Amino acid sequence: MPHTATLDFLHGILAQYEHCAIPPVRRKALDRAYELLVMEDENTDCQDLGPVNKMMNQICRIHVEGRESEAFKRHMYRRSDFMWLGAEGMLMCGTNGSQLWDIAFICQAIVESGLADQEGNRASCVKALEWLDRAQIRQNPKHYGANYRHQSKGAWPFSTPTQSYTVSDCVGEGLKAAIYLQDHLERVSSFLLQCFV
């Protein structure tokens, strides 16, 4: 879609401002942007929201702190969370996975289909419930007030607690799966107890 005249006009103004920005104001803005970027890295262990801003943060941290910094090493380590090899070559996911989303629906399907009632699946249901427990976010992000993140303690993420971004339907599906499994395992345990008493 072509630019509107209004957009071109605003771009022209901003381009002129870039040449005459007040250095102390510009420095303060850049410092604040970098501070927010570092807080995001600390909140997510350098996974960030997704691969796009993860790579942008990585470039900024290298520019400011250098290739020998701990931040650079951590970013390099975390890059593999998004990349995978497919038939077409190296690919990159939009997130670091969908682990919680997938396991929540699998658990619900197992309980609703009756597969959870089979003795051979009981251990798997217990393991799934343990995973859901470990995946639940236990603390708010370190800097949630200062860097405009929501409180997320008690929620479930789309993927893993390390990345720590929550989505309402992921919280709902994680909670539903945990309740399904807890109720089911409690009923099975009660039944087994009655059988052996």
N, C-alpha and C. Protein backbone atom coordinates (compact mmCIF):
# COMPACT_ATOMS: atom_id res chain seq x y z
N MET A 1 0.85 -1.17 0.00
CA MET A 1 0.00 0.00 0.00
C MET A 1 0.90 1.24 0.00
N PRO A 2 0.65 2.21 -0.85
CA PRO A 2 1.49 3.41 -0.91
C PRO A 2 1.30 4.28 0.34
N HIS A 3 2.36 5.05 0.64
CA HIS A 3 2.29 5.99 1.78
C HIS A 3 1.28 7.09 1.49
N THR A 4 0.64 7.54 2.55
CA THR A 4 -0.25 8.70 2.40
C THR A 4 0.60 9.96 2.45
N ALA A 5 0.04 11.06 2.01
CA ALA A 5 0.74 12.34 2.06
C ALA A 5 1.03 12.72 3.51
N THR A 6 0.12 12.41 4.41
CA THR A 6 0.31 12.72 5.83
C THR A 6 1.51 11.96 6.38
N LEU A 7 1.61 10.68 6.04
CA LEU A 7 2.73 9.88 6.53
C LEU A 7 4.05 10.41 5.98
N ASP A 8 4.09 10.73 4.70
CA ASP A 8 5.31 11.29 4.11
C ASP A 8 5.68 12.61 4.77
N PHE A 9 4.69 13.44 5.08
CA PHE A 9 4.94 14.71 5.74
C PHE A 9 5.55 14.48 7.12
N LEU A 10 4.97 13.54 7.89
CA LEU A 10 5.50 13.24 9.24
C LEU A 10 6.90 12.65 9.17
N HIS A 11 7.15 11.78 8.20
CA HIS A 11 8.50 11.24 8.02
C HIS A 11 9.50 12.36 7.74
N GLY A 12 9.09 13.33 6.94
CA GLY A 12 9.97 14.47 6.64
C GLY A 12 10.31 15.26 7.89
N ILE A 13 9.32 15.51 8.73
CA ILE A 13 9.55 16.24 9.98
C ILE A 13 10.50 15.46 10.89
N LEU A 14 10.25 14.17 11.03
CA LEU A 14 11.10 13.34 11.90
C LEU A 14 12.52 13.24 11.35
N ALA A 15 12.66 13.18 10.04
CA ALA A 15 14.01 13.13 9.45
C ALA A 15 14.78 14.42 9.74
N GLN A 16 14.08 15.56 9.69
CA GLN A 16 14.74 16.83 10.01
C GLN A 16 15.08 16.91 11.50
N TYR A 17 14.18 16.42 12.34
CA TYR A 17 14.43 16.43 13.79
C TYR A 17 15.67 15.60 14.12
N GLU A 18 15.86 14.49 13.40
CA GLU A 18 17.00 13.61 13.65
C GLU A 18 18.32 14.37 13.50
N HIS A 19 18.34 15.37 12.62
CA HIS A 19 19.57 16.15 12.40
C HIS A 19 19.79 17.20 13.47
N CYS A 20 18.74 17.59 14.16
CA CYS A 20 18.91 18.67 15.13
C CYS A 20 18.43 18.26 16.54
N ALA A 21 18.43 16.97 16.83
CA ALA A 21 17.99 16.51 18.15
C ALA A 21 18.89 17.12 19.23
N ILE A 22 18.30 17.46 20.34
CA ILE A 22 19.06 18.03 21.45
C ILE A 22 19.86 16.90 22.08
N PRO A 23 21.19 16.96 22.01
CA PRO A 23 22.03 15.83 22.46
C PRO A 23 21.71 15.31 23.86
N PRO A 24 21.52 16.15 24.89
CA PRO A 24 21.20 15.57 26.21
C PRO A 24 19.86 14.84 26.24
N VAL A 25 18.88 15.37 25.49
CA VAL A 25 17.57 14.72 25.45
C VAL A 25 17.68 13.38 24.71
N ARG A 26 18.41 13.39 23.62
CA ARG A 26 18.61 12.16 22.84
C ARG A 26 19.34 11.11 23.68
N ARG A 27 20.39 11.53 24.39
CA ARG A 27 21.16 10.60 25.23
C ARG A 27 20.28 10.00 26.32
N LYS A 28 19.45 10.84 26.94
CA LYS A 28 18.56 10.36 28.00
C LYS A 28 17.56 9.34 27.45
N ALA A 29 17.03 9.60 26.26
CA ALA A 29 16.08 8.67 25.63
C ALA A 29 16.76 7.34 25.28
N LEU A 30 17.98 7.41 24.74
CA LEU A 30 18.71 6.19 24.41
C LEU A 30 19.06 5.39 25.66
N ASP A 31 19.45 6.09 26.72
CA ASP A 31 19.76 5.41 27.99
C ASP A 31 18.54 4.70 28.54
N ARG A 32 17.38 5.35 28.47
CA ARG A 32 16.15 4.73 28.98
C ARG A 32 15.76 3.53 28.12
N ALA A 33 15.89 3.66 26.81
CA ALA A 33 15.57 2.54 25.92
C ALA A 33 16.48 1.35 26.21
N TYR A 34 17.76 1.63 26.45
CA TYR A 34 18.71 0.54 26.74
C TYR A 34 18.40 -0.08 28.11
N GLU A 35 18.02 0.74 29.06
CA GLU A 35 17.65 0.23 30.39
C GLU A 35 16.46 -0.73 30.28
N LEU A 36 15.45 -0.37 29.49
CA LEU A 36 14.29 -1.24 29.28
C LEU A 36 14.69 -2.55 28.59
N LEU A 37 15.60 -2.44 27.64
CA LEU A 37 16.09 -3.60 26.91
C LEU A 37 16.80 -4.57 27.86
N VAL A 38 17.66 -4.05 28.74
CA VAL A 38 18.39 -4.88 29.70
C VAL A 38 17.41 -5.55 30.67
N MET A 39 16.40 -4.79 31.13
CA MET A 39 15.41 -5.38 32.04
C MET A 39 14.65 -6.52 31.36
N GLU A 40 14.33 -6.35 30.08
CA GLU A 40 13.65 -7.41 29.33
C GLU A 40 14.53 -8.66 29.27
N ASP A 41 15.81 -8.47 29.01
CA ASP A 41 16.74 -9.60 28.99
C ASP A 41 16.80 -10.29 30.35
N GLU A 42 16.84 -9.52 31.42
CA GLU A 42 16.90 -10.10 32.76
C GLU A 42 15.60 -10.83 33.10
N ASN A 43 14.46 -10.30 32.68
CA ASN A 43 13.17 -10.94 32.97
C ASN A 43 13.01 -12.27 32.24
N THR A 44 13.63 -12.42 31.09
CA THR A 44 13.39 -13.60 30.25
C THR A 44 14.65 -14.43 30.02
N ASP A 45 15.72 -14.17 30.75
CA ASP A 45 16.99 -14.87 30.55
C ASP A 45 17.43 -14.80 29.09
N CYS A 46 17.29 -13.64 28.51
CA CYS A 46 17.69 -13.34 27.12
C CYS A 46 16.88 -14.07 26.06
N GLN A 47 15.71 -14.61 26.42
CA GLN A 47 14.82 -15.16 25.39
C GLN A 47 13.97 -14.05 24.80
N ASP A 48 13.60 -13.07 25.61
CA ASP A 48 12.78 -11.95 25.18
C ASP A 48 11.41 -12.43 24.69
N LEU A 49 10.61 -11.53 24.19
CA LEU A 49 9.25 -11.88 23.78
C LEU A 49 9.25 -12.87 22.63
N GLY A 50 10.13 -12.67 21.69
CA GLY A 50 10.21 -13.54 20.52
C GLY A 50 11.53 -13.31 19.80
N PRO A 51 11.76 -14.00 18.70
CA PRO A 51 13.06 -13.92 18.04
C PRO A 51 13.39 -12.57 17.42
N VAL A 52 12.38 -11.79 17.05
CA VAL A 52 12.67 -10.51 16.41
C VAL A 52 13.31 -9.55 17.40
N ASN A 53 12.62 -9.30 18.54
CA ASN A 53 13.24 -8.38 19.48
C ASN A 53 14.41 -9.03 20.21
N LYS A 54 14.48 -10.37 20.24
CA LYS A 54 15.63 -11.04 20.83
C LYS A 54 16.90 -10.70 20.04
N MET A 55 16.81 -10.74 18.71
CA MET A 55 17.97 -10.42 17.88
C MET A 55 18.31 -8.93 17.95
N MET A 56 17.27 -8.09 18.02
CA MET A 56 17.53 -6.65 18.17
C MET A 56 18.24 -6.38 19.50
N ASN A 57 17.75 -7.01 20.58
CA ASN A 57 18.39 -6.84 21.88
C ASN A 57 19.83 -7.34 21.85
N GLN A 58 20.05 -8.45 21.18
CA GLN A 58 21.40 -9.00 21.09
C GLN A 58 22.35 -8.02 20.41
N ILE A 59 21.91 -7.44 19.31
CA ILE A 59 22.76 -6.47 18.59
C ILE A 59 23.05 -5.26 19.47
N CYS A 60 22.03 -4.76 20.16
CA CYS A 60 22.23 -3.59 21.03
C CYS A 60 23.19 -3.91 22.17
N ARG A 61 23.05 -5.10 22.78
CA ARG A 61 23.93 -5.46 23.89
C ARG A 61 25.38 -5.63 23.41
N ILE A 62 25.56 -6.19 22.21
CA ILE A 62 26.91 -6.33 21.65
C ILE A 62 27.51 -4.95 21.40
N HIS A 63 26.70 -4.05 20.84
CA HIS A 63 27.17 -2.70 20.53
C HIS A 63 27.63 -1.97 21.79
N VAL A 64 26.86 -2.10 22.87
CA VAL A 64 27.18 -1.37 24.10
C VAL A 64 28.22 -2.10 24.95
N GLU A 65 28.06 -3.43 25.10
CA GLU A 65 28.88 -4.16 26.07
C GLU A 65 30.00 -4.99 25.45
N GLY A 66 29.94 -5.22 24.15
CA GLY A 66 31.01 -5.95 23.48
C GLY A 66 30.78 -7.45 23.42
N ARG A 67 31.61 -8.10 22.59
CA ARG A 67 31.49 -9.54 22.36
C ARG A 67 32.01 -10.39 23.51
N GLU A 68 32.71 -9.81 24.42
CA GLU A 68 33.24 -10.57 25.57
C GLU A 68 32.31 -10.52 26.77
N SER A 69 31.23 -9.79 26.67
CA SER A 69 30.34 -9.61 27.82
C SER A 69 29.51 -10.87 28.10
N GLU A 70 29.05 -10.98 29.34
CA GLU A 70 28.17 -12.08 29.72
C GLU A 70 26.84 -12.01 28.95
N ALA A 71 26.37 -10.78 28.71
CA ALA A 71 25.12 -10.61 27.97
C ALA A 71 25.23 -11.21 26.57
N PHE A 72 26.35 -10.95 25.89
CA PHE A 72 26.55 -11.51 24.56
C PHE A 72 26.55 -13.03 24.60
N LYS A 73 27.26 -13.60 25.57
CA LYS A 73 27.34 -15.06 25.68
C LYS A 73 25.96 -15.67 25.95
N ARG A 74 25.19 -15.01 26.80
CA ARG A 74 23.86 -15.53 27.13
C ARG A 74 22.93 -15.44 25.91
N HIS A 75 23.04 -14.32 25.17
CA HIS A 75 22.22 -14.18 23.96
C HIS A 75 22.61 -15.24 22.93
N MET A 76 23.87 -15.50 22.77
CA MET A 76 24.31 -16.51 21.81
C MET A 76 23.77 -17.88 22.20
N TYR A 77 23.79 -18.19 23.48
CA TYR A 77 23.29 -19.47 23.97
C TYR A 77 21.78 -19.59 23.71
N ARG A 78 21.04 -18.52 23.94
CA ARG A 78 19.58 -18.54 23.82
C ARG A 78 19.07 -18.50 22.38
N ARG A 79 19.92 -18.18 21.42
CA ARG A 79 19.47 -18.14 20.02
C ARG A 79 18.91 -19.47 19.56
N SER A 80 19.50 -20.55 20.05
CA SER A 80 19.07 -21.88 19.61
C SER A 80 17.66 -22.23 20.09
N ASP A 81 17.11 -21.47 21.05
CA ASP A 81 15.74 -21.73 21.51
C ASP A 81 14.72 -21.51 20.39
N PHE A 82 15.08 -20.73 19.39
CA PHE A 82 14.14 -20.38 18.32
C PHE A 82 14.45 -21.06 16.99
N MET A 83 15.65 -21.59 16.85
CA MET A 83 16.08 -22.09 15.55
C MET A 83 15.98 -23.62 15.49
N TRP A 84 15.68 -24.12 14.30
CA TRP A 84 15.64 -25.55 14.08
C TRP A 84 15.91 -25.85 12.61
N LEU A 85 16.32 -27.07 12.36
CA LEU A 85 16.61 -27.49 10.99
C LEU A 85 15.42 -28.24 10.42
N GLY A 86 15.00 -27.83 9.25
CA GLY A 86 13.92 -28.50 8.54
C GLY A 86 14.40 -28.92 7.17
N ALA A 87 13.50 -29.46 6.38
CA ALA A 87 13.84 -29.91 5.02
C ALA A 87 14.35 -28.74 4.17
N GLU A 88 13.88 -27.51 4.49
CA GLU A 88 14.28 -26.33 3.71
C GLU A 88 15.56 -25.70 4.24
N GLY A 89 16.13 -26.23 5.32
CA GLY A 89 17.33 -25.66 5.93
C GLY A 89 17.02 -25.07 7.30
N MET A 90 17.82 -24.11 7.74
CA MET A 90 17.64 -23.49 9.05
C MET A 90 16.38 -22.63 9.06
N LEU A 91 15.54 -22.84 10.06
CA LEU A 91 14.30 -22.09 10.21
C LEU A 91 14.24 -21.48 11.60
N MET A 92 13.35 -20.52 11.77
CA MET A 92 13.21 -19.88 13.07
C MET A 92 11.73 -19.83 13.44
N CYS A 93 11.43 -20.21 14.69
CA CYS A 93 10.05 -20.18 15.19
C CYS A 93 9.70 -18.77 15.66
N GLY A 94 8.42 -18.52 15.78
CA GLY A 94 7.94 -17.22 16.28
C GLY A 94 8.03 -17.09 17.78
N THR A 95 8.17 -18.22 18.48
CA THR A 95 8.38 -18.22 19.93
C THR A 95 9.39 -19.32 20.24
N ASN A 96 9.68 -19.50 21.51
CA ASN A 96 10.62 -20.57 21.87
C ASN A 96 9.89 -21.91 22.03
N GLY A 97 8.73 -22.02 21.46
CA GLY A 97 7.96 -23.26 21.49
C GLY A 97 6.53 -23.00 21.93
N SER A 98 5.78 -24.10 22.06
CA SER A 98 4.39 -24.00 22.49
C SER A 98 4.12 -25.11 23.51
N GLN A 99 5.09 -25.36 24.36
CA GLN A 99 5.05 -26.49 25.26
C GLN A 99 3.80 -26.52 26.14
N LEU A 100 3.49 -25.41 26.82
CA LEU A 100 2.34 -25.39 27.71
C LEU A 100 1.05 -25.57 26.91
N TRP A 101 0.94 -24.87 25.83
CA TRP A 101 -0.25 -24.94 24.98
C TRP A 101 -0.50 -26.38 24.55
N ASP A 102 0.56 -27.05 24.10
CA ASP A 102 0.43 -28.42 23.62
C ASP A 102 0.05 -29.39 24.74
N ILE A 103 0.77 -29.34 25.83
CA ILE A 103 0.51 -30.30 26.92
C ILE A 103 -0.86 -30.08 27.55
N ALA A 104 -1.32 -28.84 27.61
CA ALA A 104 -2.64 -28.57 28.18
C ALA A 104 -3.73 -29.25 27.36
N PHE A 105 -3.66 -29.14 26.03
CA PHE A 105 -4.67 -29.78 25.19
C PHE A 105 -4.54 -31.30 25.20
N ILE A 106 -3.31 -31.79 25.25
CA ILE A 106 -3.11 -33.25 25.32
C ILE A 106 -3.73 -33.80 26.60
N CYS A 107 -3.49 -33.13 27.73
CA CYS A 107 -4.04 -33.58 29.01
C CYS A 107 -5.56 -33.58 28.99
N GLN A 108 -6.13 -32.52 28.47
CA GLN A 108 -7.59 -32.45 28.40
C GLN A 108 -8.16 -33.58 27.52
N ALA A 109 -7.50 -33.85 26.41
CA ALA A 109 -7.96 -34.91 25.51
C ALA A 109 -7.85 -36.28 26.16
N ILE A 110 -6.77 -36.51 26.89
CA ILE A 110 -6.58 -37.80 27.55
C ILE A 110 -7.68 -38.04 28.59
N VAL A 111 -8.00 -37.01 29.37
CA VAL A 111 -9.04 -37.17 30.39
C VAL A 111 -10.41 -37.32 29.74
N GLU A 112 -10.73 -36.45 28.78
CA GLU A 112 -12.06 -36.49 28.15
C GLU A 112 -12.30 -37.75 27.33
N SER A 113 -11.25 -38.31 26.77
CA SER A 113 -11.40 -39.51 25.94
C SER A 113 -11.47 -40.79 26.75
N GLY A 114 -11.15 -40.70 28.03
CA GLY A 114 -11.16 -41.89 28.88
C GLY A 114 -9.83 -42.60 28.93
N LEU A 115 -8.85 -42.15 28.14
CA LEU A 115 -7.53 -42.79 28.14
C LEU A 115 -6.85 -42.67 29.52
N ALA A 116 -7.18 -41.63 30.25
CA ALA A 116 -6.58 -41.44 31.57
C ALA A 116 -7.07 -42.50 32.56
N ASP A 117 -8.18 -43.17 32.24
CA ASP A 117 -8.71 -44.22 33.13
C ASP A 117 -7.92 -45.51 33.01
N GLN A 118 -7.17 -45.66 31.96
CA GLN A 118 -6.40 -46.89 31.78
C GLN A 118 -5.19 -46.88 32.71
N GLU A 119 -4.98 -47.97 33.39
CA GLU A 119 -3.91 -48.07 34.40
C GLU A 119 -2.53 -47.75 33.78
N GLY A 120 -2.33 -48.16 32.55
CA GLY A 120 -1.04 -47.93 31.89
C GLY A 120 -0.74 -46.46 31.63
N ASN A 121 -1.75 -45.61 31.67
CA ASN A 121 -1.56 -44.18 31.40
C ASN A 121 -1.46 -43.34 32.68
N ARG A 122 -1.66 -43.97 33.84
CA ARG A 122 -1.66 -43.23 35.10
C ARG A 122 -0.33 -42.51 35.35
N ALA A 123 0.77 -43.21 35.15
CA ALA A 123 2.10 -42.60 35.38
C ALA A 123 2.31 -41.40 34.47
N SER A 124 1.84 -41.51 33.23
CA SER A 124 1.98 -40.38 32.29
C SER A 124 1.15 -39.19 32.75
N CYS A 125 -0.04 -39.45 33.29
CA CYS A 125 -0.89 -38.36 33.79
C CYS A 125 -0.23 -37.66 34.98
N VAL A 126 0.39 -38.45 35.84
CA VAL A 126 1.09 -37.86 36.99
C VAL A 126 2.25 -37.00 36.50
N LYS A 127 3.02 -37.51 35.54
CA LYS A 127 4.15 -36.75 34.98
C LYS A 127 3.66 -35.46 34.32
N ALA A 128 2.55 -35.53 33.60
CA ALA A 128 2.00 -34.34 32.94
C ALA A 128 1.58 -33.31 33.99
N LEU A 129 0.96 -33.76 35.06
CA LEU A 129 0.56 -32.85 36.13
C LEU A 129 1.78 -32.22 36.80
N GLU A 130 2.82 -33.01 36.99
CA GLU A 130 4.07 -32.46 37.56
C GLU A 130 4.66 -31.41 36.63
N TRP A 131 4.62 -31.68 35.30
CA TRP A 131 5.14 -30.70 34.35
C TRP A 131 4.33 -29.41 34.41
N LEU A 132 3.01 -29.53 34.45
CA LEU A 132 2.15 -28.34 34.55
C LEU A 132 2.48 -27.54 35.82
N ASP A 133 2.76 -28.23 36.89
CA ASP A 133 3.13 -27.56 38.14
C ASP A 133 4.45 -26.80 37.97
N ARG A 134 5.44 -27.43 37.35
CA ARG A 134 6.73 -26.76 37.13
C ARG A 134 6.61 -25.60 36.14
N ALA A 135 5.67 -25.71 35.20
CA ALA A 135 5.51 -24.67 34.18
C ALA A 135 4.79 -23.43 34.69
N GLN A 136 4.08 -23.56 35.80
CA GLN A 136 3.36 -22.40 36.34
C GLN A 136 4.37 -21.35 36.81
N ILE A 137 4.10 -20.09 36.48
CA ILE A 137 5.00 -19.00 36.84
C ILE A 137 4.84 -18.69 38.33
N ARG A 138 5.93 -18.78 39.07
CA ARG A 138 5.89 -18.65 40.53
C ARG A 138 6.15 -17.24 41.03
N GLN A 139 6.73 -16.39 40.19
CA GLN A 139 7.03 -15.02 40.61
C GLN A 139 6.72 -14.05 39.48
N ASN A 140 6.43 -12.82 39.85
CA ASN A 140 6.27 -11.78 38.84
C ASN A 140 7.62 -11.49 38.20
N PRO A 141 7.64 -10.93 36.99
CA PRO A 141 8.92 -10.54 36.39
C PRO A 141 9.67 -9.60 37.33
N LYS A 142 10.99 -9.68 37.31
CA LYS A 142 11.81 -8.88 38.23
C LYS A 142 11.48 -7.39 38.16
N HIS A 143 11.29 -6.89 36.98
CA HIS A 143 11.11 -5.45 36.78
C HIS A 143 9.73 -5.14 36.23
N TYR A 144 8.70 -5.85 36.68
CA TYR A 144 7.40 -5.70 36.01
C TYR A 144 6.84 -4.29 36.14
N GLY A 145 7.13 -3.59 37.23
CA GLY A 145 6.62 -2.22 37.37
C GLY A 145 7.40 -1.23 36.54
N ALA A 146 8.71 -1.41 36.48
CA ALA A 146 9.59 -0.45 35.81
C ALA A 146 9.62 -0.62 34.29
N ASN A 147 9.32 -1.82 33.80
CA ASN A 147 9.39 -1.99 32.35
C ASN A 147 8.06 -2.41 31.72
N TYR A 148 6.98 -2.01 32.38
CA TYR A 148 5.65 -2.10 31.79
C TYR A 148 5.20 -3.54 31.51
N ARG A 149 5.62 -4.48 32.35
CA ARG A 149 5.13 -5.86 32.25
C ARG A 149 3.99 -6.06 33.24
N HIS A 150 3.09 -6.95 32.92
CA HIS A 150 2.00 -7.27 33.83
C HIS A 150 2.50 -8.24 34.91
N GLN A 151 1.82 -8.24 36.03
CA GLN A 151 2.07 -9.25 37.04
C GLN A 151 1.66 -10.60 36.45
N SER A 152 2.45 -11.60 36.66
CA SER A 152 2.12 -12.89 36.05
C SER A 152 2.25 -14.05 37.04
N LYS A 153 2.44 -13.76 38.30
CA LYS A 153 2.56 -14.81 39.31
C LYS A 153 1.28 -15.65 39.32
N GLY A 154 1.46 -16.98 39.23
CA GLY A 154 0.33 -17.89 39.23
C GLY A 154 -0.19 -18.24 37.86
N ALA A 155 0.26 -17.54 36.84
CA ALA A 155 -0.23 -17.78 35.47
C ALA A 155 0.60 -18.87 34.79
N TRP A 156 0.16 -19.26 33.61
CA TRP A 156 0.93 -20.17 32.77
C TRP A 156 1.33 -19.42 31.51
N PRO A 157 2.52 -19.68 30.99
CA PRO A 157 2.97 -19.04 29.75
C PRO A 157 2.52 -19.84 28.53
N PHE A 158 2.77 -19.31 27.36
CA PHE A 158 2.51 -20.05 26.13
C PHE A 158 3.49 -21.20 25.98
N SER A 159 4.73 -20.95 26.41
CA SER A 159 5.77 -21.96 26.22
C SER A 159 6.37 -22.41 27.55
N THR A 160 7.28 -21.59 28.09
CA THR A 160 8.00 -21.97 29.31
C THR A 160 8.02 -20.82 30.30
N PRO A 161 8.21 -21.11 31.59
CA PRO A 161 8.26 -20.04 32.59
C PRO A 161 9.44 -19.09 32.39
N THR A 162 10.52 -19.55 31.76
CA THR A 162 11.68 -18.69 31.54
C THR A 162 11.31 -17.50 30.67
N GLN A 163 10.61 -17.74 29.58
CA GLN A 163 10.19 -16.66 28.70
C GLN A 163 9.17 -15.78 29.42
N SER A 164 8.31 -16.37 30.19
CA SER A 164 7.43 -15.73 31.19
C SER A 164 6.34 -14.80 30.67
N TYR A 165 6.14 -14.73 29.37
CA TYR A 165 5.00 -13.95 28.88
C TYR A 165 3.75 -14.82 28.94
N THR A 166 2.67 -14.25 29.46
CA THR A 166 1.44 -15.02 29.57
C THR A 166 0.40 -14.50 28.59
N VAL A 167 -0.51 -15.39 28.23
CA VAL A 167 -1.63 -15.06 27.37
C VAL A 167 -2.85 -15.64 28.07
N SER A 168 -3.95 -14.92 28.07
CA SER A 168 -5.10 -15.34 28.86
C SER A 168 -5.57 -16.76 28.51
N ASP A 169 -5.59 -17.12 27.22
CA ASP A 169 -6.07 -18.46 26.91
C ASP A 169 -5.08 -19.53 27.33
N CYS A 170 -3.78 -19.22 27.38
CA CYS A 170 -2.80 -20.19 27.88
C CYS A 170 -3.01 -20.42 29.37
N VAL A 171 -3.30 -19.35 30.10
CA VAL A 171 -3.58 -19.47 31.53
C VAL A 171 -4.83 -20.34 31.72
N GLY A 172 -5.86 -20.06 30.94
CA GLY A 172 -7.11 -20.82 31.04
C GLY A 172 -6.92 -22.29 30.71
N GLU A 173 -6.19 -22.58 29.63
CA GLU A 173 -5.99 -23.98 29.24
C GLU A 173 -5.07 -24.71 30.22
N GLY A 174 -4.05 -24.03 30.72
CA GLY A 174 -3.17 -24.64 31.72
C GLY A 174 -3.92 -24.96 33.00
N LEU A 175 -4.74 -24.03 33.44
CA LEU A 175 -5.54 -24.24 34.65
C LEU A 175 -6.55 -25.37 34.45
N LYS A 176 -7.21 -25.37 33.30
CA LYS A 176 -8.19 -26.41 33.00
C LYS A 176 -7.53 -27.79 33.00
N ALA A 177 -6.37 -27.90 32.37
CA ALA A 177 -5.66 -29.18 32.32
C ALA A 177 -5.24 -29.63 33.72
N ALA A 178 -4.74 -28.70 34.52
CA ALA A 178 -4.33 -29.05 35.89
C ALA A 178 -5.52 -29.53 36.71
N ILE A 179 -6.65 -28.84 36.61
CA ILE A 179 -7.86 -29.24 37.35
C ILE A 179 -8.35 -30.60 36.86
N TYR A 180 -8.39 -30.80 35.54
CA TYR A 180 -8.82 -32.09 34.98
C TYR A 180 -7.97 -33.22 35.56
N LEU A 181 -6.64 -33.05 35.49
CA LEU A 181 -5.76 -34.12 35.95
C LEU A 181 -5.86 -34.33 37.45
N GLN A 182 -5.90 -33.24 38.22
CA GLN A 182 -6.01 -33.38 39.67
C GLN A 182 -7.30 -34.10 40.05
N ASP A 183 -8.41 -33.68 39.47
CA ASP A 183 -9.69 -34.33 39.76
C ASP A 183 -9.67 -35.81 39.36
N HIS A 184 -9.13 -36.07 38.18
CA HIS A 184 -9.09 -37.45 37.70
C HIS A 184 -8.21 -38.31 38.59
N LEU A 185 -7.01 -37.84 38.90
CA LEU A 185 -6.09 -38.63 39.72
C LEU A 185 -6.64 -38.82 41.13
N GLU A 186 -7.35 -37.83 41.65
CA GLU A 186 -7.95 -37.94 42.98
C GLU A 186 -9.05 -39.01 42.96
N ARG A 187 -9.88 -39.02 41.92
CA ARG A 187 -10.94 -40.02 41.81
C ARG A 187 -10.36 -41.42 41.70
N VAL A 188 -9.31 -41.58 40.89
CA VAL A 188 -8.68 -42.89 40.71
C VAL A 188 -8.07 -43.35 42.03
N SER A 189 -7.40 -42.43 42.74
CA SER A 189 -6.78 -42.78 44.03
C SER A 189 -7.84 -43.20 45.03
N SER A 190 -8.95 -42.48 45.10
CA SER A 190 -10.04 -42.83 46.02
C SER A 190 -10.59 -44.19 45.69
N PHE A 191 -10.77 -44.48 44.40
CA PHE A 191 -11.30 -45.77 43.98
C PHE A 191 -10.34 -46.89 44.37
N LEU A 192 -9.04 -46.69 44.10
CA LEU A 192 -8.06 -47.71 44.44
C LEU A 192 -7.99 -47.95 45.93
N LEU A 193 -8.10 -46.84 46.71
CA LEU A 193 -8.08 -46.97 48.16
C LEU A 193 -9.26 -47.81 48.64
N GLN A 194 -10.43 -47.59 48.06
CA GLN A 194 -11.62 -48.36 48.45
C GLN A 194 -11.45 -49.84 48.08
N CYS A 195 -10.80 -50.11 46.96
CA CYS A 195 -10.60 -51.49 46.52
C CYS A 195 -9.69 -52.26 47.45
N PHE A 196 -8.69 -51.56 48.01
CA PHE A 196 -7.69 -52.25 48.81
C PHE A 196 -7.97 -52.19 50.31
N VAL A 197 -9.03 -51.50 50.73
CA VAL A 197 -9.35 -51.41 52.16
C VAL A 197 -10.22 -52.58 52.57
